[in-house]
Amino acid sequence: MNTRTMNHRNEQPNGIRSHGRLILLFAVGILLLAACSPATPAPAIAPAVTQEEEIVEPTVAVVESTVMLSSTDELGQFLVDTEGRTLYLFTVDQPGTSNCSGGCAETWPPFLLGEAGLTPVNGMSGTLGTTLRADDTRQITYNGMPLYYFANDAEAGDTNGQFVAEKWFVVNPGPVAALGEAEGLGSFLTDTEGRTLYLFTVDEPGTSNCSGGCAETWPPFLLGEAGLTPVNGMSGTLGTTLRTDDTRQITYKETPLYYFAGDSEPGDTNGEGVGDVWFVVEP
């Protein structure tokens, strides 16, 4: 191969060489741009919740009862205040009226209305109320009867006032008597099982004149665990009288109360008018 031929091969047009350089520079530029461009930011991830939300519980108002219930084997259930001190009724009182003041009220302090209001306790079948005393204080009542403490009760649960002077008694939550009704007789007293109660016109106030065979036909209505809590609707007061056999017979307005042996079922009134001396008892 001669020298002319070799020189011809080595010679390249300037245009072709320049074009190659441009392509190379363009490729290098693209690579540099790719390397220098900022990376696409990753989506932000919310931080995990590490603290539990505070749960707000609804507020429930707790209302304390004005009275509570206590019990003994001898007396059954009876009313006490919220500290367990026994409450009493006075049979000389009239419904809604206290007849205990002065020295009486020192021995038998009235159970006065305070901030607790008149919220009853479960198990009470009667109703709470108030009566205005002479000193303008409000005394709490149960089925109309004013309630008292006894100064000689030293501790909660003491019942030293029971039967004092035959006129002071613990207050049972259920009434000792109820009200019945019959056509032609209207409303009259019954026991809590609906058995009719009668009065004997031969009796004296606070004294029974029915004993022996009479008491077999007309069994006396005796004081039991139910105490002397009156029923709503009674305008008079309950009390007791001591019989010759030392049992305590319940009275209404000081009149002794009886059953009639000839009444076989609750609601019977077969004793009405017997001998013109036995009658149902109007409340």
Protein backbone atom coordinates (compact mmCIF):
# COMPACT_ATOMS: atom_id res chain seq x y z
CA MET A 1 0.00 0.00 0.00
CA ASN A 2 1.43 3.34 -0.98
CA THR A 3 1.72 6.43 1.05
CA ARG A 4 -1.12 8.17 -0.75
CA THR A 5 -3.57 5.46 0.11
CA MET A 6 -2.73 5.55 3.82
CA ASN A 7 -3.11 9.27 3.99
CA HIS A 8 -6.52 9.02 2.38
CA ARG A 9 -7.77 6.59 5.03
CA ASN A 10 -6.50 8.66 7.92
CA GLU A 11 -8.07 11.83 6.69
CA GLN A 12 -11.72 12.43 7.93
CA PRO A 13 -13.96 15.34 7.13
CA ASN A 14 -14.12 17.92 9.93
CA GLY A 15 -17.93 17.82 9.87
CA ILE A 16 -18.06 14.18 10.77
CA ARG A 17 -15.65 14.57 13.67
CA SER A 18 -17.57 17.54 15.07
CA HIS A 19 -20.88 15.68 14.91
CA GLY A 20 -19.42 12.80 16.89
CA ARG A 21 -18.18 15.11 19.58
CA LEU A 22 -21.64 16.70 19.93
CA ILE A 23 -23.26 13.31 20.39
CA LEU A 24 -20.71 12.36 23.02
CA LEU A 25 -21.14 15.65 24.87
CA PHE A 26 -24.93 15.31 24.77
CA ALA A 27 -24.76 11.82 26.26
CA VAL A 28 -22.40 12.95 28.99
CA GLY A 29 -24.69 15.90 29.78
CA ILE A 30 -27.69 13.66 30.19
CA LEU A 31 -25.74 11.46 32.60
CA LEU A 32 -24.62 14.48 34.61
CA LEU A 33 -28.17 15.86 34.82
CA ALA A 34 -29.45 12.50 36.03
CA ALA A 35 -26.76 12.35 38.68
CA CYS A 36 -27.31 15.92 39.89
CA SER A 37 -31.13 15.93 39.90
CA PRO A 38 -32.61 15.64 43.44
CA ALA A 39 -34.32 12.34 44.25
CA THR A 40 -38.12 12.38 44.44
CA PRO A 41 -38.99 12.76 48.16
CA ALA A 42 -40.68 9.75 49.76
CA PRO A 43 -44.18 10.39 51.08
CA ALA A 44 -44.19 11.48 54.72
CA ILE A 45 -45.17 8.76 57.23
CA ALA A 46 -47.30 9.93 60.17
CA PRO A 47 -45.71 9.15 63.51
CA ALA A 48 -47.29 6.24 65.33
CA VAL A 49 -49.72 7.22 68.12
CA THR A 50 -48.11 6.14 71.35
CA GLN A 51 -50.50 7.80 73.81
CA GLU A 52 -54.00 6.44 74.22
CA GLU A 53 -56.88 8.88 74.05
CA GLU A 54 -58.32 9.77 77.44
CA ILE A 55 -61.80 8.30 77.85
CA VAL A 56 -64.09 10.56 79.83
CA GLU A 57 -66.64 8.58 81.85
CA PRO A 58 -70.09 10.16 82.33
CA THR A 59 -70.66 11.61 85.78
CA VAL A 60 -73.48 9.99 87.73
CA ALA A 61 -74.93 11.90 90.68
CA VAL A 62 -75.11 9.81 93.84
CA VAL A 63 -78.06 10.79 96.00
CA GLU A 64 -77.85 9.67 99.60
CA SER A 65 -81.06 8.49 101.23
CA THR A 66 -82.52 10.49 104.09
CA VAL A 67 -83.14 7.31 106.08
CA MET A 68 -81.81 3.78 106.00
CA LEU A 69 -83.04 0.39 107.24
CA SER A 70 -81.72 -1.58 110.18
CA SER A 71 -83.11 -4.71 111.81
CA THR A 72 -83.05 -6.96 114.84
CA ASP A 73 -84.55 -10.40 115.41
CA GLU A 74 -86.99 -8.97 117.95
CA LEU A 75 -88.14 -5.86 116.10
CA GLY A 76 -87.70 -6.75 112.45
CA GLN A 77 -86.79 -3.89 110.12
CA PHE A 78 -86.97 -0.29 111.31
CA LEU A 79 -85.89 3.16 110.19
CA VAL A 80 -82.56 4.73 111.15
CA ASP A 81 -80.73 7.83 109.98
CA THR A 82 -77.74 7.58 107.63
CA GLU A 83 -75.43 7.06 110.62
CA GLY A 84 -77.48 4.13 111.92
CA ARG A 85 -79.20 5.94 114.81
CA THR A 86 -82.68 4.59 115.51
CA LEU A 87 -85.74 6.72 114.72
CA TYR A 88 -88.97 6.61 116.72
CA LEU A 89 -92.62 7.70 116.52
CA PHE A 90 -94.75 9.10 119.34
CA THR A 91 -98.30 7.73 119.47
CA VAL A 92 -99.59 10.93 121.08
CA ASP A 93 -98.76 12.82 117.87
CA GLN A 94 -101.34 13.44 115.19
CA PRO A 95 -100.44 12.89 111.52
CA GLY A 96 -98.46 15.95 110.46
CA THR A 97 -98.33 17.40 113.99
CA SER A 98 -95.72 16.94 116.72
CA ASN A 99 -96.88 17.05 120.35
CA CYS A 100 -93.37 16.73 121.77
CA SER A 101 -91.64 20.00 122.68
CA GLY A 102 -89.77 21.58 125.59
CA GLY A 103 -88.41 18.94 127.96
CA CYS A 104 -89.95 16.20 125.82
CA ALA A 105 -87.87 17.33 122.84
CA GLU A 106 -84.71 17.25 124.98
CA THR A 107 -85.29 13.56 125.68
CA TRP A 108 -86.67 12.90 122.21
CA PRO A 109 -84.84 15.24 119.79
CA PRO A 110 -86.78 15.69 116.55
CA PHE A 111 -85.31 14.31 113.32
CA LEU A 112 -84.95 17.56 111.40
CA LEU A 113 -84.78 18.19 107.68
CA GLY A 114 -81.23 18.84 106.50
CA GLU A 115 -79.39 19.07 103.19
CA ALA A 116 -80.10 15.42 102.39
CA GLY A 117 -83.67 16.26 101.39
CA LEU A 118 -86.32 13.53 101.49
CA THR A 119 -84.85 10.70 99.42
CA PRO A 120 -86.43 7.37 100.50
CA VAL A 121 -84.50 4.14 100.81
CA ASN A 122 -85.35 1.00 98.85
CA GLY A 123 -87.75 -1.17 100.84
CA MET A 124 -89.86 1.68 102.19
CA SER A 125 -93.53 1.39 101.29
CA GLY A 126 -94.48 4.62 103.04
CA THR A 127 -93.70 8.22 102.21
CA LEU A 128 -91.46 10.85 103.77
CA GLY A 129 -92.68 14.38 104.45
CA THR A 130 -92.17 17.25 106.87
CA THR A 131 -94.08 19.12 109.55
CA LEU A 132 -93.34 22.66 110.73
CA ARG A 133 -92.50 22.82 114.43
CA ALA A 134 -93.20 25.73 116.77
CA ASP A 135 -89.55 26.86 116.48
CA ASP A 136 -89.89 27.03 112.65
CA THR A 137 -87.70 23.99 112.07
CA ARG A 138 -88.93 21.24 109.78
CA GLN A 139 -89.27 17.78 111.28
CA ILE A 140 -89.25 14.77 108.97
CA THR A 141 -92.33 12.54 109.00
CA TYR A 142 -93.03 9.01 107.77
CA ASN A 143 -96.59 8.34 106.64
CA GLY A 144 -97.42 11.59 108.39
CA MET A 145 -95.92 10.64 111.77
CA PRO A 146 -93.07 12.87 113.07
CA LEU A 147 -89.75 11.09 113.66
CA TYR A 148 -87.49 11.39 116.71
CA TYR A 149 -84.22 10.21 118.25
CA PHE A 150 -83.96 8.97 121.85
CA ALA A 151 -81.38 10.70 124.05
CA ASN A 152 -80.61 7.45 125.87
CA ASP A 153 -79.47 5.68 122.70
CA ALA A 154 -75.71 5.95 123.07
CA GLU A 155 -74.65 4.16 119.89
CA ALA A 156 -75.90 3.41 116.42
CA GLY A 157 -78.24 0.42 116.56
CA ASP A 158 -79.46 1.04 120.12
CA THR A 159 -83.25 0.71 120.50
CA ASN A 160 -83.67 1.74 124.14
CA GLY A 161 -86.65 3.91 123.26
CA GLN A 162 -88.85 1.01 122.21
CA PHE A 163 -92.06 0.79 124.34
CA VAL A 164 -91.08 3.71 126.58
CA ALA A 165 -94.25 4.85 128.40
CA GLU A 166 -96.20 2.66 125.99
CA LYS A 167 -96.06 5.58 123.54
CA TRP A 168 -92.70 5.42 121.81
CA PHE A 169 -91.92 2.86 119.12
CA VAL A 170 -89.41 2.17 116.40
CA VAL A 171 -90.68 2.89 112.91
CA ASN A 172 -91.09 -0.09 110.60
CA PRO A 173 -90.89 0.49 106.83
CA GLY A 174 -94.21 -1.24 106.17
CA PRO A 175 -97.49 -0.17 107.80
CA VAL A 176 -99.09 -2.35 110.46
CA ALA A 177 -102.53 -1.76 108.97
CA ALA A 178 -104.06 -1.21 105.55
CA LEU A 179 -107.32 0.08 104.13
CA GLY A 180 -110.15 -2.09 102.83
CA GLU A 181 -113.43 -1.15 101.25
CA ALA A 182 -116.84 -2.77 100.90
CA GLU A 183 -120.12 -1.67 99.43
CA GLY A 184 -122.25 0.05 102.06
CA LEU A 185 -119.35 0.33 104.51
CA GLY A 186 -116.92 2.57 102.68
CA SER A 187 -113.28 2.49 103.77
CA PHE A 188 -112.20 0.61 106.92
CA LEU A 189 -109.06 -0.72 108.60
CA THR A 190 -107.61 -4.14 107.85
CA ASP A 191 -104.33 -5.82 108.64
CA THR A 192 -101.68 -5.99 105.92
CA GLU A 193 -103.20 -9.24 104.62
CA GLY A 194 -106.62 -7.65 104.14
CA ARG A 195 -108.36 -9.18 107.17
CA THR A 196 -110.96 -6.82 108.64
CA LEU A 197 -110.38 -5.16 112.01
CA TYR A 198 -113.16 -4.31 114.45
CA LEU A 199 -113.79 -2.17 117.54
CA PHE A 200 -115.85 -3.10 120.63
CA THR A 201 -118.02 -0.29 121.91
CA VAL A 202 -117.93 -1.72 125.44
CA ASP A 203 -114.19 -1.01 125.68
CA GLU A 204 -112.77 2.06 127.42
CA PRO A 205 -110.08 4.21 125.75
CA GLY A 206 -106.83 2.29 126.06
CA THR A 207 -108.49 -0.65 127.84
CA SER A 208 -109.83 -3.92 126.42
CA ASN A 209 -112.90 -5.47 128.05
CA CYS A 210 -112.87 -8.59 125.86
CA SER A 211 -111.08 -11.61 127.32
CA GLY A 212 -111.67 -15.32 127.91
CA GLY A 213 -114.39 -16.67 125.59
CA CYS A 214 -114.91 -13.22 124.12
CA ALA A 215 -111.29 -13.14 122.96
CA GLU A 216 -111.72 -16.55 121.32
CA THR A 217 -114.50 -15.16 119.13
CA TRP A 218 -112.83 -11.76 118.79
CA PRO A 219 -109.05 -12.34 118.78
CA PRO A 220 -107.13 -9.16 119.67
CA PHE A 221 -104.97 -7.53 117.00
CA LEU A 222 -101.58 -7.87 118.70
CA LEU A 223 -98.37 -5.93 118.24
CA GLY A 224 -95.80 -7.91 116.30
CA GLU A 225 -92.63 -7.12 114.39
CA ALA A 226 -94.53 -4.68 112.17
CA GLY A 227 -94.53 -2.03 114.89
CA LEU A 228 -96.98 0.84 114.66
CA THR A 229 -96.26 2.47 111.31
CA PRO A 230 -99.55 3.92 110.06
CA VAL A 231 -100.91 3.57 106.55
CA ASN A 232 -101.40 6.58 104.29
CA GLY A 233 -104.97 7.84 104.58
CA MET A 234 -105.32 7.33 108.33
CA SER A 235 -106.38 10.46 110.17
CA GLY A 236 -105.92 8.94 113.64
CA THR A 237 -102.97 7.39 115.42
CA LEU A 238 -102.05 3.86 116.37
CA GLY A 239 -101.02 2.83 119.86
CA THR A 240 -101.04 -0.19 122.17
CA THR A 241 -102.67 -1.35 125.34
CA LEU A 242 -101.29 -3.98 127.70
CA ARG A 243 -103.67 -6.90 128.13
CA THR A 244 -104.02 -9.02 131.26
CA ASP A 245 -101.92 -11.77 129.64
CA ASP A 246 -99.08 -9.22 129.08
CA THR A 247 -99.56 -9.14 125.33
CA ARG A 248 -99.76 -5.78 123.59
CA GLN A 249 -102.95 -5.10 121.67
CA ILE A 250 -102.90 -2.44 118.95
CA THR A 251 -105.27 0.48 119.33
CA TYR A 252 -106.58 3.13 116.95
CA LYS A 253 -107.41 6.46 118.55
CA GLU A 254 -106.97 4.51 121.82
CA THR A 255 -109.66 2.01 120.81
CA PRO A 256 -108.47 -1.65 120.93
CA LEU A 257 -108.66 -3.53 117.61
CA TYR A 258 -109.89 -7.11 117.01
CA TYR A 259 -110.45 -9.76 114.37
CA PHE A 260 -113.70 -11.77 114.07
CA ALA A 261 -113.46 -15.56 114.10
CA GLY A 262 -116.43 -15.70 111.72
CA ASP A 263 -114.43 -14.01 108.92
CA SER A 264 -112.88 -16.81 106.88
CA GLU A 265 -111.22 -14.80 104.11
CA PRO A 266 -109.62 -11.37 103.65
CA GLY A 267 -112.31 -8.84 102.84
CA ASP A 268 -115.04 -10.56 104.88
CA THR A 269 -116.96 -8.20 107.16
CA ASN A 270 -119.25 -10.67 108.93
CA GLY A 271 -118.57 -9.03 112.30
CA GLU A 272 -120.16 -5.72 111.33
CA GLY A 273 -123.02 -4.89 113.67
CA VAL A 274 -122.83 -8.09 115.71
CA GLY A 275 -124.69 -7.52 119.00
CA ASP A 276 -124.87 -3.86 118.05
CA VAL A 277 -121.49 -3.50 119.77
CA TRP A 278 -118.98 -4.66 117.12
CA PHE A 279 -118.17 -2.52 114.10
CA VAL A 280 -115.56 -2.02 111.41
CA VAL A 281 -113.12 0.82 112.06
CA GLU A 282 -113.28 3.88 109.84
CA PRO A 283 -109.85 5.35 109.09
